[in-house]
């Protein structure tokens, strides 16, 4: 009987070590990332058109998508709706000021989007958009945008 109890104790001890070790390994290998989404639109006088955007970026991360952005933009009067890709930076670091530089593959849309901190919940954020394409481009700001920041740095 004592041999069975000893074997049972050894088994439970090994199981506890495996469970604790695997939960710690999971916590250590977890790769949390700061993700930033800009969603909204405005009117650009230079283009003479409403525009819109929904762009997601991996801002602060240890994975291969660090600094990468993907999404879509449209310029209504030009009949343009395009997938855009690009990069994001936080300038200066830890300032909550995010700068997205994006373009469509065909170059028909190219823009830099910058939020004005602090980041507020809901459609209450100012985003400035500077278009370099389509021509003649131009810069405008609008207040009714969503800026969503999630992850360890927010």
N, C-alpha and C. Protein backbone atom coordinates (compact mmCIF):
# COMPACT_ATOMS: atom_id res chain seq x y z
N UNK A 1 0.82 -1.19 0.00
CA UNK A 1 0.00 0.00 0.00
C UNK A 1 0.86 1.26 0.00
N UNK A 2 1.97 1.26 0.76
CA UNK A 2 2.81 2.45 0.80
C UNK A 2 3.50 2.68 -0.55
N UNK A 3 3.78 1.57 -1.27
CA UNK A 3 4.39 1.72 -2.60
C UNK A 3 3.41 2.41 -3.55
N UNK A 4 2.13 2.06 -3.47
CA UNK A 4 1.12 2.68 -4.32
C UNK A 4 0.98 4.16 -3.95
N UNK A 5 0.99 4.49 -2.66
CA UNK A 5 0.91 5.89 -2.25
C UNK A 5 2.14 6.66 -2.70
N UNK A 6 3.32 6.05 -2.60
CA UNK A 6 4.55 6.70 -3.04
C UNK A 6 4.51 6.96 -4.53
N UNK A 7 4.06 5.95 -5.31
CA UNK A 7 3.97 6.12 -6.77
C UNK A 7 2.94 7.18 -7.11
N UNK A 8 1.83 7.21 -6.36
CA UNK A 8 0.80 8.22 -6.58
C UNK A 8 1.33 9.62 -6.29
N UNK A 9 2.10 9.74 -5.21
CA UNK A 9 2.70 11.02 -4.86
C UNK A 9 3.68 11.48 -5.94
N UNK A 10 4.51 10.54 -6.42
CA UNK A 10 5.47 10.86 -7.48
C UNK A 10 4.73 11.30 -8.73
N UNK A 11 3.68 10.58 -9.09
CA UNK A 11 2.90 10.93 -10.28
C UNK A 11 2.30 12.33 -10.15
N UNK A 12 1.68 12.61 -8.98
CA UNK A 12 1.09 13.93 -8.77
C UNK A 12 2.15 15.02 -8.78
N UNK A 13 3.32 14.74 -8.22
CA UNK A 13 4.41 15.72 -8.21
C UNK A 13 4.87 16.03 -9.62
N UNK A 14 5.03 14.99 -10.44
CA UNK A 14 5.44 15.18 -11.84
C UNK A 14 4.37 15.96 -12.59
N UNK A 15 3.10 15.61 -12.37
CA UNK A 15 2.01 16.31 -13.04
C UNK A 15 2.00 17.78 -12.65
N UNK A 16 2.22 18.09 -11.38
CA UNK A 16 2.24 19.48 -10.93
C UNK A 16 3.39 20.24 -11.57
N UNK A 17 4.56 19.63 -11.65
CA UNK A 17 5.72 20.27 -12.28
C UNK A 17 5.44 20.54 -13.76
N UNK A 18 4.85 19.57 -14.45
CA UNK A 18 4.53 19.74 -15.87
C UNK A 18 3.52 20.86 -16.06
N UNK A 19 2.46 20.88 -15.25
CA UNK A 19 1.44 21.92 -15.38
C UNK A 19 1.98 23.30 -15.07
N UNK A 20 2.75 23.42 -14.00
CA UNK A 20 3.33 24.71 -13.64
C UNK A 20 4.32 25.14 -14.70
N UNK A 21 5.16 24.23 -15.14
CA UNK A 21 6.15 24.54 -16.18
C UNK A 21 5.50 24.96 -17.47
N UNK A 22 4.43 24.28 -17.87
CA UNK A 22 3.79 24.62 -19.14
C UNK A 22 3.07 25.95 -19.04
N UNK A 23 2.48 26.28 -17.88
CA UNK A 23 1.81 27.57 -17.76
C UNK A 23 2.82 28.70 -17.74
N UNK A 24 3.97 28.48 -17.11
CA UNK A 24 5.02 29.50 -17.13
C UNK A 24 5.59 29.65 -18.53
N UNK A 25 5.80 28.55 -19.22
CA UNK A 25 6.32 28.62 -20.59
C UNK A 25 5.35 29.37 -21.48
N UNK A 26 4.05 29.14 -21.29
CA UNK A 26 3.04 29.84 -22.07
C UNK A 26 3.09 31.33 -21.80
N UNK A 27 3.27 31.69 -20.53
CA UNK A 27 3.33 33.11 -20.19
C UNK A 27 4.60 33.75 -20.75
N UNK A 28 5.71 33.02 -20.72
CA UNK A 28 6.96 33.57 -21.22
C UNK A 28 6.95 33.68 -22.73
N UNK A 29 6.29 32.76 -23.44
CA UNK A 29 6.33 32.79 -24.89
C UNK A 29 5.20 33.62 -25.47
N UNK A 30 4.31 34.13 -24.60
CA UNK A 30 3.20 34.95 -25.08
C UNK A 30 3.75 36.22 -25.74
N UNK A 31 3.25 36.54 -26.90
CA UNK A 31 3.73 37.69 -27.66
C UNK A 31 2.60 38.71 -27.79
N UNK A 32 2.38 39.48 -26.73
CA UNK A 32 1.35 40.51 -26.78
C UNK A 32 1.85 41.67 -27.63
N UNK A 33 0.96 42.26 -28.38
CA UNK A 33 1.33 43.34 -29.28
C UNK A 33 0.42 44.53 -29.07
N UNK A 34 0.97 45.70 -29.34
CA UNK A 34 0.17 46.91 -29.36
C UNK A 34 -0.39 47.06 -30.77
N UNK A 35 -1.71 47.12 -30.86
CA UNK A 35 -2.36 47.27 -32.15
C UNK A 35 -3.09 48.59 -32.19
N UNK A 36 -3.05 49.25 -33.35
CA UNK A 36 -3.66 50.56 -33.51
C UNK A 36 -4.58 50.52 -34.72
N UNK A 37 -5.80 51.01 -34.55
CA UNK A 37 -6.76 51.10 -35.65
C UNK A 37 -7.22 52.55 -35.77
N UNK A 38 -7.14 53.09 -36.98
CA UNK A 38 -7.75 54.38 -37.31
C UNK A 38 -8.95 54.09 -38.18
N UNK A 39 -10.10 54.67 -37.85
CA UNK A 39 -11.32 54.47 -38.63
C UNK A 39 -12.09 55.78 -38.68
N UNK A 40 -12.42 56.22 -39.88
CA UNK A 40 -13.18 57.45 -39.99
C UNK A 40 -13.07 58.07 -41.36
N UNK A 41 -13.13 59.38 -41.39
CA UNK A 41 -13.07 60.08 -42.66
C UNK A 41 -13.18 61.57 -42.48
N UNK A 42 -13.27 62.26 -43.61
CA UNK A 42 -13.37 63.70 -43.58
C UNK A 42 -13.57 64.23 -44.98
N UNK A 43 -13.29 65.51 -45.15
CA UNK A 43 -13.38 66.15 -46.46
C UNK A 43 -12.06 66.84 -46.73
N UNK A 44 -11.50 66.60 -47.93
CA UNK A 44 -10.23 67.20 -48.31
C UNK A 44 -10.49 68.24 -49.39
N UNK A 45 -10.20 69.51 -49.08
CA UNK A 45 -10.43 70.60 -50.05
C UNK A 45 -9.56 70.46 -51.29
N UNK A 46 -8.30 70.02 -51.10
CA UNK A 46 -7.40 69.86 -52.24
C UNK A 46 -7.93 68.86 -53.25
N UNK A 47 -8.55 67.80 -52.76
CA UNK A 47 -9.13 66.78 -53.64
C UNK A 47 -10.58 67.11 -53.99
N UNK A 48 -11.17 68.02 -53.24
CA UNK A 48 -12.58 68.34 -53.46
C UNK A 48 -13.48 67.15 -53.23
N UNK A 49 -13.15 66.39 -52.17
CA UNK A 49 -13.86 65.12 -51.99
C UNK A 49 -13.88 64.66 -50.55
N UNK A 50 -14.97 63.98 -50.18
CA UNK A 50 -14.94 63.21 -48.95
C UNK A 50 -13.96 62.04 -49.12
N UNK A 51 -13.41 61.60 -48.01
CA UNK A 51 -12.52 60.43 -48.00
C UNK A 51 -12.81 59.63 -46.75
N UNK A 52 -12.37 58.39 -46.75
CA UNK A 52 -12.55 57.54 -45.58
C UNK A 52 -11.41 56.56 -45.45
N UNK A 53 -11.30 55.97 -44.26
CA UNK A 53 -10.21 55.02 -44.00
C UNK A 53 -10.59 54.06 -42.89
N UNK A 54 -10.06 52.88 -42.97
CA UNK A 54 -10.04 51.89 -41.89
C UNK A 54 -8.71 51.19 -42.03
N UNK A 55 -7.80 51.46 -41.10
CA UNK A 55 -6.43 50.93 -41.20
C UNK A 55 -6.02 50.35 -39.86
N UNK A 56 -5.51 49.13 -39.89
CA UNK A 56 -5.04 48.42 -38.70
C UNK A 56 -3.53 48.28 -38.79
N UNK A 57 -2.84 48.52 -37.68
CA UNK A 57 -1.38 48.42 -37.64
C UNK A 57 -0.92 47.66 -36.40
N UNK A 58 0.18 47.01 -36.51
CA UNK A 58 0.86 46.34 -35.41
C UNK A 58 1.95 47.30 -34.96
N UNK A 59 1.70 48.06 -33.89
CA UNK A 59 2.61 49.14 -33.51
C UNK A 59 3.83 48.64 -32.75
N UNK A 60 3.63 48.10 -31.58
CA UNK A 60 4.75 47.66 -30.72
C UNK A 60 4.63 46.16 -30.56
N UNK A 61 5.58 45.43 -31.11
CA UNK A 61 5.45 43.98 -31.14
C UNK A 61 6.81 43.32 -31.29
N UNK A 62 6.86 42.05 -30.92
CA UNK A 62 8.08 41.27 -31.15
C UNK A 62 7.87 40.27 -32.27
N UNK A 63 6.72 40.34 -32.94
CA UNK A 63 6.48 39.39 -34.03
C UNK A 63 6.86 40.02 -35.37
N UNK A 64 6.84 39.25 -36.45
CA UNK A 64 7.28 39.75 -37.76
C UNK A 64 6.41 40.87 -38.34
N UNK A 65 5.23 41.14 -37.75
CA UNK A 65 4.36 42.18 -38.28
C UNK A 65 4.57 43.54 -37.61
N UNK A 66 5.61 43.64 -36.77
CA UNK A 66 5.91 44.90 -36.09
C UNK A 66 6.03 46.03 -37.11
N UNK A 67 5.26 47.10 -36.90
CA UNK A 67 5.34 48.27 -37.77
C UNK A 67 4.55 48.18 -39.06
N UNK A 68 3.81 47.09 -39.27
CA UNK A 68 3.10 46.86 -40.53
C UNK A 68 1.64 47.32 -40.41
N UNK A 69 1.13 47.96 -41.47
CA UNK A 69 -0.26 48.41 -41.54
C UNK A 69 -0.95 47.82 -42.76
N UNK A 70 -2.25 47.57 -42.64
CA UNK A 70 -3.10 47.13 -43.74
C UNK A 70 -4.48 47.70 -43.51
N UNK A 71 -5.17 47.97 -44.61
CA UNK A 71 -6.53 48.48 -44.48
C UNK A 71 -7.06 48.94 -45.82
N UNK A 72 -7.94 49.93 -45.76
CA UNK A 72 -8.56 50.45 -46.97
C UNK A 72 -8.79 51.94 -46.83
N UNK A 73 -8.74 52.63 -47.97
CA UNK A 73 -9.08 54.04 -48.04
C UNK A 73 -9.94 54.28 -49.27
N UNK A 74 -10.77 55.31 -49.19
CA UNK A 74 -11.52 55.70 -50.39
C UNK A 74 -11.45 57.21 -50.55
N UNK A 75 -11.54 57.64 -51.81
CA UNK A 75 -11.69 59.05 -52.16
C UNK A 75 -12.92 59.09 -53.06
N UNK A 76 -14.00 59.58 -52.50
CA UNK A 76 -15.31 59.45 -53.12
C UNK A 76 -15.39 60.08 -54.51
N UNK A 77 -14.99 61.33 -54.67
CA UNK A 77 -15.14 62.04 -55.94
C UNK A 77 -14.28 61.45 -57.06
N UNK A 78 -13.26 60.70 -56.69
CA UNK A 78 -12.39 60.08 -57.70
C UNK A 78 -12.79 58.64 -57.99
N UNK A 79 -13.79 58.14 -57.28
CA UNK A 79 -14.22 56.76 -57.48
C UNK A 79 -13.17 55.75 -57.06
N UNK A 80 -12.36 56.12 -56.08
CA UNK A 80 -11.27 55.24 -55.63
C UNK A 80 -11.62 54.57 -54.30
N UNK A 81 -11.53 53.28 -54.27
CA UNK A 81 -11.58 52.49 -53.04
C UNK A 81 -10.48 51.46 -53.18
N UNK A 82 -9.46 51.55 -52.34
CA UNK A 82 -8.27 50.72 -52.52
C UNK A 82 -7.79 50.12 -51.19
N UNK A 83 -7.22 48.91 -51.30
CA UNK A 83 -6.45 48.35 -50.19
C UNK A 83 -5.18 49.17 -50.06
N UNK A 84 -4.82 49.50 -48.83
CA UNK A 84 -3.56 50.21 -48.60
C UNK A 84 -2.72 49.42 -47.59
N UNK A 85 -1.44 49.56 -47.72
CA UNK A 85 -0.50 48.96 -46.79
C UNK A 85 0.60 49.95 -46.50
N UNK A 86 1.29 49.75 -45.39
CA UNK A 86 2.37 50.68 -45.07
C UNK A 86 2.95 50.42 -43.70
N UNK A 87 3.32 51.51 -43.04
CA UNK A 87 4.02 51.41 -41.76
C UNK A 87 3.42 52.36 -40.74
N UNK A 88 3.78 52.12 -39.47
CA UNK A 88 3.36 52.99 -38.37
C UNK A 88 4.56 53.29 -37.48
N UNK A 89 4.58 54.51 -36.97
CA UNK A 89 5.55 54.89 -35.95
C UNK A 89 4.81 55.64 -34.85
N UNK A 90 5.38 55.63 -33.67
CA UNK A 90 4.86 56.43 -32.56
C UNK A 90 5.91 57.49 -32.29
N UNK A 91 5.55 58.77 -32.53
CA UNK A 91 6.52 59.85 -32.50
C UNK A 91 6.09 60.93 -31.54
N UNK A 92 6.87 61.23 -30.49
CA UNK A 92 7.96 60.43 -29.97
C UNK A 92 7.45 59.15 -29.32
N UNK A 93 8.34 58.20 -29.03
CA UNK A 93 7.89 56.94 -28.41
C UNK A 93 7.08 57.18 -27.14
N UNK A 94 6.06 56.34 -26.95
CA UNK A 94 5.18 56.38 -25.77
C UNK A 94 4.42 57.70 -25.65
N UNK A 95 4.16 58.37 -26.76
CA UNK A 95 3.46 59.66 -26.74
C UNK A 95 1.99 59.54 -27.10
N UNK A 96 1.57 58.39 -27.60
CA UNK A 96 0.21 58.18 -28.12
C UNK A 96 -0.06 58.98 -29.38
N UNK A 97 0.99 59.48 -30.03
CA UNK A 97 0.88 60.11 -31.34
C UNK A 97 1.37 59.11 -32.37
N UNK A 98 0.44 58.59 -33.17
CA UNK A 98 0.76 57.55 -34.15
C UNK A 98 0.72 58.14 -35.55
N UNK A 99 1.71 57.78 -36.36
CA UNK A 99 1.81 58.23 -37.74
C UNK A 99 1.79 57.00 -38.64
N UNK A 100 0.75 56.90 -39.47
CA UNK A 100 0.62 55.81 -40.43
C UNK A 100 0.94 56.37 -41.82
N UNK A 101 1.85 55.71 -42.52
CA UNK A 101 2.19 56.07 -43.89
C UNK A 101 1.77 54.91 -44.77
N UNK A 102 0.77 55.13 -45.63
CA UNK A 102 0.17 54.04 -46.40
C UNK A 102 0.03 54.42 -47.87
N UNK A 103 -0.07 53.39 -48.71
CA UNK A 103 -0.29 53.59 -50.14
C UNK A 103 -0.93 52.35 -50.72
N UNK A 104 -1.65 52.54 -51.81
CA UNK A 104 -2.20 51.40 -52.55
C UNK A 104 -1.11 50.85 -53.46
N UNK A 105 -1.25 49.61 -53.86
CA UNK A 105 -0.25 48.96 -54.71
C UNK A 105 -0.07 49.68 -56.04
N UNK A 106 -1.16 50.23 -56.59
CA UNK A 106 -1.07 50.92 -57.87
C UNK A 106 -0.71 52.40 -57.74
N UNK A 107 -0.54 52.89 -56.51
CA UNK A 107 -0.15 54.27 -56.29
C UNK A 107 -1.27 55.29 -56.43
N UNK A 108 -2.50 54.83 -56.64
CA UNK A 108 -3.60 55.78 -56.82
C UNK A 108 -3.98 56.49 -55.52
N UNK A 109 -3.66 55.88 -54.39
CA UNK A 109 -3.86 56.52 -53.08
C UNK A 109 -2.56 56.39 -52.30
N UNK A 110 -2.09 57.53 -51.77
CA UNK A 110 -0.93 57.55 -50.88
C UNK A 110 -1.19 58.64 -49.85
N UNK A 111 -1.02 58.30 -48.58
CA UNK A 111 -1.37 59.26 -47.53
C UNK A 111 -0.59 58.99 -46.25
N UNK A 112 -0.49 60.04 -45.45
CA UNK A 112 0.03 59.94 -44.10
C UNK A 112 -1.08 60.38 -43.15
N UNK A 113 -1.37 59.53 -42.17
CA UNK A 113 -2.43 59.80 -41.20
C UNK A 113 -1.79 59.94 -39.81
N UNK A 114 -2.18 60.98 -39.09
CA UNK A 114 -1.62 61.24 -37.76
C UNK A 114 -2.76 61.60 -36.82
N UNK A 115 -2.78 60.95 -35.65
CA UNK A 115 -3.80 61.30 -34.65
C UNK A 115 -3.27 62.38 -33.72
N UNK A 116 -4.20 63.07 -33.07
CA UNK A 116 -3.87 64.06 -32.06
C UNK A 116 -4.21 63.46 -30.70
N UNK A 117 -3.18 63.29 -29.81
CA UNK A 117 -3.48 62.74 -28.49
C UNK A 117 -4.23 63.76 -27.63
N UNK A 118 -4.87 63.32 -26.55
CA UNK A 118 -4.91 61.94 -26.08
C UNK A 118 -5.93 61.12 -26.88
N UNK A 119 -5.72 59.80 -26.91
CA UNK A 119 -6.66 58.90 -27.57
C UNK A 119 -7.91 58.80 -26.69
N UNK A 120 -9.07 59.04 -27.31
CA UNK A 120 -10.35 59.00 -26.60
C UNK A 120 -11.17 57.84 -27.12
N UNK A 121 -11.99 57.28 -26.26
CA UNK A 121 -12.86 56.17 -26.66
C UNK A 121 -13.97 56.69 -27.57
N UNK A 122 -14.27 55.93 -28.61
CA UNK A 122 -15.35 56.28 -29.52
C UNK A 122 -14.92 57.23 -30.62
N UNK A 123 -15.90 57.75 -31.38
CA UNK A 123 -15.59 58.61 -32.52
C UNK A 123 -15.36 60.07 -32.09
N UNK A 124 -14.32 60.26 -31.26
CA UNK A 124 -14.04 61.57 -30.69
C UNK A 124 -12.58 61.97 -30.85
N UNK A 125 -11.92 61.43 -31.87
CA UNK A 125 -10.49 61.68 -32.06
C UNK A 125 -10.25 62.48 -33.33
N UNK A 126 -9.22 63.33 -33.27
CA UNK A 126 -8.81 64.09 -34.44
C UNK A 126 -7.73 63.32 -35.18
N UNK A 127 -7.93 63.14 -36.48
CA UNK A 127 -6.93 62.52 -37.35
C UNK A 127 -6.68 63.48 -38.51
N UNK A 128 -5.41 63.78 -38.74
CA UNK A 128 -5.00 64.61 -39.87
C UNK A 128 -4.51 63.69 -40.97
N UNK A 129 -5.02 63.92 -42.18
CA UNK A 129 -4.65 63.09 -43.33
C UNK A 129 -4.00 63.99 -44.36
N UNK A 130 -2.79 63.61 -44.77
CA UNK A 130 -2.08 64.33 -45.84
C UNK A 130 -1.98 63.39 -47.04
N UNK A 131 -2.69 63.74 -48.10
CA UNK A 131 -2.66 62.95 -49.34
C UNK A 131 -1.53 63.43 -50.24
N UNK A 132 -0.73 62.49 -50.74
CA UNK A 132 0.22 62.79 -51.81
C UNK A 132 -0.30 62.23 -53.13
N UNK A 133 -1.27 61.35 -53.06
CA UNK A 133 -1.98 60.85 -54.25
C UNK A 133 -3.39 60.51 -53.80
N UNK A 134 -4.39 60.80 -54.60
CA UNK A 134 -4.32 61.35 -55.94
C UNK A 134 -3.92 62.83 -55.92
N UNK A 135 -3.46 63.29 -57.05
CA UNK A 135 -3.04 64.67 -57.22
C UNK A 135 -4.28 65.56 -57.29
N UNK A 136 -4.29 66.71 -56.73
CA UNK A 136 -3.17 67.49 -56.21
C UNK A 136 -2.87 67.23 -54.74
N UNK A 137 -3.55 66.28 -54.12
CA UNK A 137 -3.29 65.99 -52.71
C UNK A 137 -3.85 67.06 -51.81
N UNK A 138 -3.27 67.15 -50.64
CA UNK A 138 -3.72 68.15 -49.68
C UNK A 138 -3.83 67.56 -48.29
N UNK A 139 -3.99 68.44 -47.31
CA UNK A 139 -4.05 68.04 -45.91
C UNK A 139 -5.36 68.52 -45.30
N UNK A 140 -5.97 67.67 -44.51
CA UNK A 140 -7.17 68.05 -43.77
C UNK A 140 -7.24 67.26 -42.48
N UNK A 141 -8.00 67.81 -41.53
CA UNK A 141 -8.21 67.15 -40.25
C UNK A 141 -9.70 67.02 -40.01
N UNK A 142 -10.08 65.97 -39.31
CA UNK A 142 -11.47 65.81 -38.90
C UNK A 142 -11.51 65.25 -37.49
N UNK A 143 -12.60 65.57 -36.77
CA UNK A 143 -12.69 65.24 -35.35
C UNK A 143 -13.46 63.97 -35.03
N UNK A 144 -14.28 63.46 -35.90
CA UNK A 144 -15.17 62.36 -35.57
C UNK A 144 -14.63 60.99 -35.88
N UNK A 145 -13.37 60.73 -35.55
CA UNK A 145 -12.73 59.46 -35.90
C UNK A 145 -12.53 58.56 -34.70
N UNK A 146 -12.44 57.28 -34.97
CA UNK A 146 -12.11 56.30 -33.95
C UNK A 146 -10.62 56.01 -34.03
N UNK A 147 -9.95 56.10 -32.90
CA UNK A 147 -8.57 55.65 -32.77
C UNK A 147 -8.58 54.64 -31.65
N UNK A 148 -8.30 53.40 -31.97
CA UNK A 148 -8.34 52.32 -30.99
C UNK A 148 -6.94 51.77 -30.80
N UNK A 149 -6.45 51.80 -29.57
CA UNK A 149 -5.11 51.30 -29.25
C UNK A 149 -5.29 50.21 -28.21
N UNK A 150 -4.81 49.01 -28.53
CA UNK A 150 -4.90 47.89 -27.60
C UNK A 150 -3.53 47.26 -27.42
N UNK A 151 -3.36 46.56 -26.34
CA UNK A 151 -2.11 45.86 -26.11
C UNK A 151 -1.35 46.42 -24.93
N UNK A 152 -0.10 45.96 -24.76
CA UNK A 152 0.64 46.24 -23.55
C UNK A 152 1.05 47.70 -23.38
N UNK A 153 1.13 48.47 -24.43
CA UNK A 153 1.63 49.83 -24.29
C UNK A 153 0.54 50.86 -24.09
N UNK A 154 -0.75 50.42 -24.11
CA UNK A 154 -1.80 51.44 -24.02
C UNK A 154 -2.15 51.80 -22.61
